[in-house]
Amino acid sequence: MPKGKSVDIERVIRKLYHDVDVLNNKRIIPTEVGIACGYAVFTVDDMELERVRERADEEMYQRKKEMKM
């Protein structure tokens, strides 16, 4: 993200989950929608972008696991 440092990603994710709740509550489509998302921030310790993507995937799968519980 070009302006990633200035984006409040937690706020963006909360808004995304809120929008899905609205979609489900209004029954806009005939099936319930669910999402799992994750993110990672590139740090000075990261040597390649692929590791950042892997961390984001790990977080997404963790959230997905929590949703199932």
PDB file of N, CA and C in Angstrom:
ATOM      1  N   MET A   1       0.842  -1.183   0.000  1.00  0.00           N
ATOM      2  CA  MET A   1       0.000   0.000   0.000  1.00  0.00           C
ATOM      3  C   MET A   1       0.882   1.239   0.000  1.00  0.00           C
ATOM      4  N   PRO A   2       0.730   2.085  -0.955  1.00  0.00           N
ATOM      5  CA  PRO A   2       1.583   3.275  -1.019  1.00  0.00           C
ATOM      6  C   PRO A   2       1.547   4.131   0.242  1.00  0.00           C
ATOM      7  N   LYS A   3       0.371   4.285   0.851  1.00  0.00           N
ATOM      8  CA  LYS A   3       0.259   5.122   2.055  1.00  0.00           C
ATOM      9  C   LYS A   3      -0.033   4.247   3.268  1.00  0.00           C
ATOM     10  N   GLY A   4       0.529   3.061   3.286  1.00  0.00           N
ATOM     11  CA  GLY A   4       0.247   2.081   4.322  1.00  0.00           C
ATOM     12  C   GLY A   4       0.500   2.557   5.733  1.00  0.00           C
ATOM     13  N   LYS A   5       1.505   3.382   5.929  1.00  0.00           N
ATOM     14  CA  LYS A   5       1.811   3.858   7.278  1.00  0.00           C
ATOM     15  C   LYS A   5       0.718   4.758   7.837  1.00  0.00           C
ATOM     16  N   SER A   6      -0.060   5.374   6.969  1.00  0.00           N
ATOM     17  CA  SER A   6      -1.092   6.291   7.456  1.00  0.00           C
ATOM     18  C   SER A   6      -2.471   5.636   7.524  1.00  0.00           C
ATOM     19  N   VAL A   7      -2.566   4.358   7.200  1.00  0.00           N
ATOM     20  CA  VAL A   7      -3.852   3.659   7.211  1.00  0.00           C
ATOM     21  C   VAL A   7      -4.037   2.946   8.548  1.00  0.00           C
ATOM     22  N   ASP A   8      -5.206   3.145   9.167  1.00  0.00           N
ATOM     23  CA  ASP A   8      -5.548   2.434  10.397  1.00  0.00           C
ATOM     24  C   ASP A   8      -6.191   1.110   9.978  1.00  0.00           C
ATOM     25  N   ILE A   9      -5.365   0.088   9.762  1.00  0.00           N
ATOM     26  CA  ILE A   9      -5.846  -1.171   9.206  1.00  0.00           C
ATOM     27  C   ILE A   9      -6.881  -1.834  10.108  1.00  0.00           C
ATOM     28  N   GLU A  10      -6.739  -1.701  11.403  1.00  0.00           N
ATOM     29  CA  GLU A  10      -7.731  -2.284  12.316  1.00  0.00           C
ATOM     30  C   GLU A  10      -9.105  -1.647  12.088  1.00  0.00           C
ATOM     31  N   ARG A  11      -9.135  -0.350  11.845  1.00  0.00           N
ATOM     32  CA  ARG A  11     -10.400   0.339  11.558  1.00  0.00           C
ATOM     33  C   ARG A  11     -10.981  -0.154  10.237  1.00  0.00           C
ATOM     34  N   VAL A  12     -10.145  -0.337   9.250  1.00  0.00           N
ATOM     35  CA  VAL A  12     -10.600  -0.833   7.948  1.00  0.00           C
ATOM     36  C   VAL A  12     -11.199  -2.232   8.096  1.00  0.00           C
ATOM     37  N   ILE A  13     -10.549  -3.091   8.871  1.00  0.00           N
ATOM     38  CA  ILE A  13     -11.044  -4.455   9.078  1.00  0.00           C
ATOM     39  C   ILE A  13     -12.355  -4.441   9.860  1.00  0.00           C
ATOM     40  N   ARG A  14     -12.467  -3.603  10.897  1.00  0.00           N
ATOM     41  CA  ARG A  14     -13.732  -3.490  11.636  1.00  0.00           C
ATOM     42  C   ARG A  14     -14.861  -3.062  10.703  1.00  0.00           C
ATOM     43  N   LYS A  15     -14.582  -2.106   9.833  1.00  0.00           N
ATOM     44  CA  LYS A  15     -15.588  -1.647   8.866  1.00  0.00           C
ATOM     45  C   LYS A  15     -15.979  -2.773   7.916  1.00  0.00           C
ATOM     46  N   LEU A  16     -15.030  -3.553   7.488  1.00  0.00           N
ATOM     47  CA  LEU A  16     -15.313  -4.682   6.605  1.00  0.00           C
ATOM     48  C   LEU A  16     -16.231  -5.688   7.296  1.00  0.00           C
ATOM     49  N   TYR A  17     -15.915  -6.041   8.545  1.00  0.00           N
ATOM     50  CA  TYR A  17     -16.770  -6.962   9.302  1.00  0.00           C
ATOM     51  C   TYR A  17     -18.160  -6.361   9.534  1.00  0.00           C
ATOM     52  N   HIS A  18     -18.216  -5.064   9.806  1.00  0.00           N
ATOM     53  CA  HIS A  18     -19.511  -4.390   9.989  1.00  0.00           C
ATOM     54  C   HIS A  18     -20.338  -4.479   8.705  1.00  0.00           C
ATOM     55  N   ASP A  19     -19.703  -4.208   7.577  1.00  0.00           N
ATOM     56  CA  ASP A  19     -20.415  -4.264   6.298  1.00  0.00           C
ATOM     57  C   ASP A  19     -20.954  -5.663   6.018  1.00  0.00           C
ATOM     58  N   VAL A  20     -20.202  -6.690   6.387  1.00  0.00           N
ATOM     59  CA  VAL A  20     -20.679  -8.065   6.208  1.00  0.00           C
ATOM     60  C   VAL A  20     -21.874  -8.327   7.123  1.00  0.00           C
ATOM     61  N   ASP A  21     -21.825  -7.828   8.351  1.00  0.00           N
ATOM     62  CA  ASP A  21     -22.971  -7.967   9.262  1.00  0.00           C
ATOM     63  C   ASP A  21     -24.218  -7.312   8.678  1.00  0.00           C
ATOM     64  N   VAL A  22     -24.058  -6.120   8.130  1.00  0.00           N
ATOM     65  CA  VAL A  22     -25.188  -5.424   7.511  1.00  0.00           C
ATOM     66  C   VAL A  22     -25.730  -6.249   6.354  1.00  0.00           C
ATOM     67  N   LEU A  23     -24.858  -6.745   5.519  1.00  0.00           N
ATOM     68  CA  LEU A  23     -25.265  -7.581   4.390  1.00  0.00           C
ATOM     69  C   LEU A  23     -26.075  -8.779   4.873  1.00  0.00           C
ATOM     70  N   ASN A  24     -25.589  -9.442   5.911  1.00  0.00           N
ATOM     71  CA  ASN A  24     -26.283 -10.615   6.434  1.00  0.00           C
ATOM     72  C   ASN A  24     -27.604 -10.253   7.117  1.00  0.00           C
ATOM     73  N   ASN A  25     -27.614  -9.188   7.884  1.00  0.00           N
ATOM     74  CA  ASN A  25     -28.832  -8.790   8.605  1.00  0.00           C
ATOM     75  C   ASN A  25     -29.943  -8.340   7.665  1.00  0.00           C
ATOM     76  N   LYS A  26     -29.577  -7.740   6.566  1.00  0.00           N
ATOM     77  CA  LYS A  26     -30.588  -7.284   5.600  1.00  0.00           C
ATOM     78  C   LYS A  26     -30.979  -8.396   4.628  1.00  0.00           C
ATOM     79  N   ARG A  27     -30.299  -9.528   4.726  1.00  0.00           N
ATOM     80  CA  ARG A  27     -30.584 -10.676   3.851  1.00  0.00           C
ATOM     81  C   ARG A  27     -30.625 -10.268   2.378  1.00  0.00           C
ATOM     82  N   ILE A  28     -29.620  -9.531   1.988  1.00  0.00           N
ATOM     83  CA  ILE A  28     -29.505  -9.044   0.619  1.00  0.00           C
ATOM     84  C   ILE A  28     -29.289 -10.200  -0.354  1.00  0.00           C
ATOM     85  N   ILE A  29     -28.576 -11.202   0.090  1.00  0.00           N
ATOM     86  CA  ILE A  29     -28.368 -12.397  -0.725  1.00  0.00           C
ATOM     87  C   ILE A  29     -28.898 -13.594   0.057  1.00  0.00           C
ATOM     88  N   PRO A  30     -29.221 -14.691  -0.630  1.00  0.00           N
ATOM     89  CA  PRO A  30     -29.893 -15.811   0.053  1.00  0.00           C
ATOM     90  C   PRO A  30     -29.010 -16.663   0.977  1.00  0.00           C
ATOM     91  N   THR A  31     -27.754 -16.360   1.092  1.00  0.00           N
ATOM     92  CA  THR A  31     -26.883 -17.139   1.973  1.00  0.00           C
ATOM     93  C   THR A  31     -26.062 -16.203   2.847  1.00  0.00           C
ATOM     94  N   GLU A  32     -25.692 -16.677   4.024  1.00  0.00           N
ATOM     95  CA  GLU A  32     -24.908 -15.852   4.933  1.00  0.00           C
ATOM     96  C   GLU A  32     -23.454 -15.774   4.464  1.00  0.00           C
ATOM     97  N   VAL A  33     -22.894 -14.605   4.573  1.00  0.00           N
ATOM     98  CA  VAL A  33     -21.519 -14.358   4.163  1.00  0.00           C
ATOM     99  C   VAL A  33     -20.636 -14.308   5.407  1.00  0.00           C
ATOM    100  N   GLY A  34     -19.445 -14.859   5.297  1.00  0.00           N
ATOM    101  CA  GLY A  34     -18.461 -14.762   6.368  1.00  0.00           C
ATOM    102  C   GLY A  34     -17.098 -14.462   5.774  1.00  0.00           C
ATOM    103  N   ILE A  35     -16.283 -13.743   6.515  1.00  0.00           N
ATOM    104  CA  ILE A  35     -14.945 -13.422   6.028  1.00  0.00           C
ATOM    105  C   ILE A  35     -13.915 -13.686   7.114  1.00  0.00           C
ATOM    106  N   ALA A  36     -12.712 -13.948   6.690  1.00  0.00           N
ATOM    107  CA  ALA A  36     -11.559 -14.018   7.577  1.00  0.00           C
ATOM    108  C   ALA A  36     -10.448 -13.265   6.859  1.00  0.00           C
ATOM    109  N   CYS A  37      -9.840 -12.337   7.540  1.00  0.00           N
ATOM    110  CA  CYS A  37      -8.774 -11.572   6.902  1.00  0.00           C
ATOM    111  C   CYS A  37      -7.627 -11.397   7.883  1.00  0.00           C
ATOM    112  N   GLY A  38      -6.484 -11.130   7.340  1.00  0.00           N
ATOM    113  CA  GLY A  38      -5.305 -10.914   8.163  1.00  0.00           C
ATOM    114  C   GLY A  38      -4.397  -9.917   7.474  1.00  0.00           C
ATOM    115  N   TYR A  39      -3.477  -9.389   8.213  1.00  0.00           N
ATOM    116  CA  TYR A  39      -2.528  -8.444   7.620  1.00  0.00           C
ATOM    117  C   TYR A  39      -1.195  -8.555   8.347  1.00  0.00           C
ATOM    118  N   ALA A  40      -0.178  -8.069   7.707  1.00  0.00           N
ATOM    119  CA  ALA A  40       1.155  -8.001   8.303  1.00  0.00           C
ATOM    120  C   ALA A  40       1.800  -6.715   7.811  1.00  0.00           C
ATOM    121  N   VAL A  41       2.678  -6.186   8.615  1.00  0.00           N
ATOM    122  CA  VAL A  41       3.364  -4.950   8.278  1.00  0.00           C
ATOM    123  C   VAL A  41       4.819  -5.270   7.957  1.00  0.00           C
ATOM    124  N   PHE A  42       5.311  -4.728   6.868  1.00  0.00           N
ATOM    125  CA  PHE A  42       6.704  -4.899   6.468  1.00  0.00           C
ATOM    126  C   PHE A  42       7.586  -4.183   7.480  1.00  0.00           C
ATOM    127  N   THR A  43       8.560  -4.897   8.035  1.00  0.00           N
ATOM    128  CA  THR A  43       9.467  -4.308   9.024  1.00  0.00           C
ATOM    129  C   THR A  43      10.896  -4.311   8.495  1.00  0.00           C
ATOM    130  N   VAL A  44      11.768  -3.662   9.203  1.00  0.00           N
ATOM    131  CA  VAL A  44      13.178  -3.621   8.786  1.00  0.00           C
ATOM    132  C   VAL A  44      13.813  -5.009   8.833  1.00  0.00           C
ATOM    133  N   ASP A  45      13.251  -5.923   9.614  1.00  0.00           N
ATOM    134  CA  ASP A  45      13.784  -7.282   9.700  1.00  0.00           C
ATOM    135  C   ASP A  45      13.368  -8.157   8.523  1.00  0.00           C
ATOM    136  N   ASP A  46      12.389  -7.720   7.763  1.00  0.00           N
ATOM    137  CA  ASP A  46      11.930  -8.506   6.625  1.00  0.00           C
ATOM    138  C   ASP A  46      12.906  -8.368   5.463  1.00  0.00           C
ATOM    139  N   MET A  47      13.309  -9.497   4.945  1.00  0.00           N
ATOM    140  CA  MET A  47      14.240  -9.498   3.826  1.00  0.00           C
ATOM    141  C   MET A  47      13.514  -9.586   2.483  1.00  0.00           C
ATOM    142  N   GLU A  48      12.274 -10.069   2.511  1.00  0.00           N
ATOM    143  CA  GLU A  48      11.525 -10.179   1.269  1.00  0.00           C
ATOM    144  C   GLU A  48      10.033 -10.046   1.545  1.00  0.00           C
ATOM    145  N   LEU A  49       9.320  -9.589   0.559  1.00  0.00           N
ATOM    146  CA  LEU A  49       7.892  -9.357   0.674  1.00  0.00           C
ATOM    147  C   LEU A  49       7.121 -10.654   0.912  1.00  0.00           C
ATOM    148  N   GLU A  50       7.603 -11.750   0.388  1.00  0.00           N
ATOM    149  CA  GLU A  50       6.917 -13.040   0.540  1.00  0.00           C
ATOM    150  C   GLU A  50       6.726 -13.403   2.016  1.00  0.00           C
ATOM    151  N   ARG A  51       7.672 -13.103   2.861  1.00  0.00           N
ATOM    152  CA  ARG A  51       7.553 -13.400   4.299  1.00  0.00           C
ATOM    153  C   ARG A  51       6.429 -12.571   4.921  1.00  0.00           C
ATOM    154  N   VAL A  52       6.261 -11.352   4.479  1.00  0.00           N
ATOM    155  CA  VAL A  52       5.180 -10.504   4.981  1.00  0.00           C
ATOM    156  C   VAL A  52       3.837 -11.114   4.592  1.00  0.00           C
ATOM    157  N   ARG A  53       3.728 -11.568   3.348  1.00  0.00           N
ATOM    158  CA  ARG A  53       2.497 -12.204   2.885  1.00  0.00           C
ATOM    159  C   ARG A  53       2.208 -13.465   3.688  1.00  0.00           C
ATOM    160  N   GLU A  54       3.245 -14.239   3.981  1.00  0.00           N
ATOM    161  CA  GLU A  54       3.067 -15.458   4.793  1.00  0.00           C
ATOM    162  C   GLU A  54       2.540 -15.122   6.184  1.00  0.00           C
ATOM    163  N   ARG A  55       3.053 -14.063   6.809  1.00  0.00           N
ATOM    164  CA  ARG A  55       2.560 -13.667   8.127  1.00  0.00           C
ATOM    165  C   ARG A  55       1.101 -13.233   8.055  1.00  0.00           C
ATOM    166  N   ALA A  56       0.749 -12.531   6.999  1.00  0.00           N
ATOM    167  CA  ALA A  56      -0.644 -12.111   6.821  1.00  0.00           C
ATOM    168  C   ALA A  56      -1.542 -13.335   6.662  1.00  0.00           C
ATOM    169  N   ASP A  57      -1.100 -14.319   5.899  1.00  0.00           N
ATOM    170  CA  ASP A  57      -1.860 -15.569   5.749  1.00  0.00           C
ATOM    171  C   ASP A  57      -2.025 -16.286   7.085  1.00  0.00           C
ATOM    172  N   GLU A  58      -0.942 -16.355   7.864  1.00  0.00           N
ATOM    173  CA  GLU A  58      -1.007 -17.000   9.173  1.00  0.00           C
ATOM    174  C   GLU A  58      -2.051 -16.326  10.051  1.00  0.00           C
ATOM    175  N   GLU A  59      -2.089 -15.011  10.036  1.00  0.00           N
ATOM    176  CA  GLU A  59      -3.071 -14.285  10.846  1.00  0.00           C
ATOM    177  C   GLU A  59      -4.490 -14.568  10.353  1.00  0.00           C
ATOM    178  N   MET A  60      -4.661 -14.602   9.029  1.00  0.00           N
ATOM    179  CA  MET A  60      -5.985 -14.874   8.476  1.00  0.00           C
ATOM    180  C   MET A  60      -6.466 -16.257   8.901  1.00  0.00           C
ATOM    181  N   TYR A  61      -5.595 -17.260   8.816  1.00  0.00           N
ATOM    182  CA  TYR A  61      -6.002 -18.612   9.209  1.00  0.00           C
ATOM    183  C   TYR A  61      -6.274 -18.708  10.709  1.00  0.00           C
ATOM    184  N   GLN A  62      -5.557 -17.935  11.511  1.00  0.00           N
ATOM    185  CA  GLN A  62      -5.817 -17.895  12.948  1.00  0.00           C
ATOM    186  C   GLN A  62      -7.205 -17.325  13.215  1.00  0.00           C
ATOM    187  N   ARG A  63      -7.542 -16.240  12.540  1.00  0.00           N
ATOM    188  CA  ARG A  63      -8.878 -15.635  12.706  1.00  0.00           C
ATOM    189  C   ARG A  63      -9.960 -16.596  12.243  1.00  0.00           C
ATOM    190  N   LYS A  64      -9.693 -17.301  11.145  1.00  0.00           N
ATOM    191  CA  LYS A  64     -10.669 -18.265  10.629  1.00  0.00           C
ATOM    192  C   LYS A  64     -10.899 -19.377  11.653  1.00  0.00           C
ATOM    193  N   LYS A  65      -9.820 -19.831  12.285  1.00  0.00           N
ATOM    194  CA  LYS A  65      -9.928 -20.877  13.320  1.00  0.00           C
ATOM    195  C   LYS A  65     -10.749 -20.370  14.489  1.00  0.00           C
ATOM    196  N   GLU A  66     -10.522 -19.127  14.907  1.00  0.00           N
ATOM    197  CA  GLU A  66     -11.272 -18.537  16.016  1.00  0.00           C
ATOM    198  C   GLU A  66     -12.753 -18.409  15.678  1.00  0.00           C
ATOM    199  N   MET A  67     -13.076 -18.141  14.422  1.00  0.00           N
ATOM    200  CA  MET A  67     -14.462 -18.009  14.007  1.00  0.00           C
ATOM    201  C   MET A  67     -15.211 -19.333  14.142  1.00  0.00           C
ATOM    202  N   LYS A  68     -14.515 -20.431  13.948  1.00  0.00           N
ATOM    203  CA  LYS A  68     -15.145 -21.750  13.981  1.00  0.00           C
ATOM    204  C   LYS A  68     -15.412 -22.220  15.418  1.00  0.00           C
ATOM    205  N   MET A  69     -14.750 -21.606  16.372  1.00  0.00           N
ATOM    206  CA  MET A  69     -14.900 -22.023  17.768  1.00  0.00           C
ATOM    207  C   MET A  69     -16.128 -21.409  18.390  1.00  0.00           C
TER     208      MET A  69
END
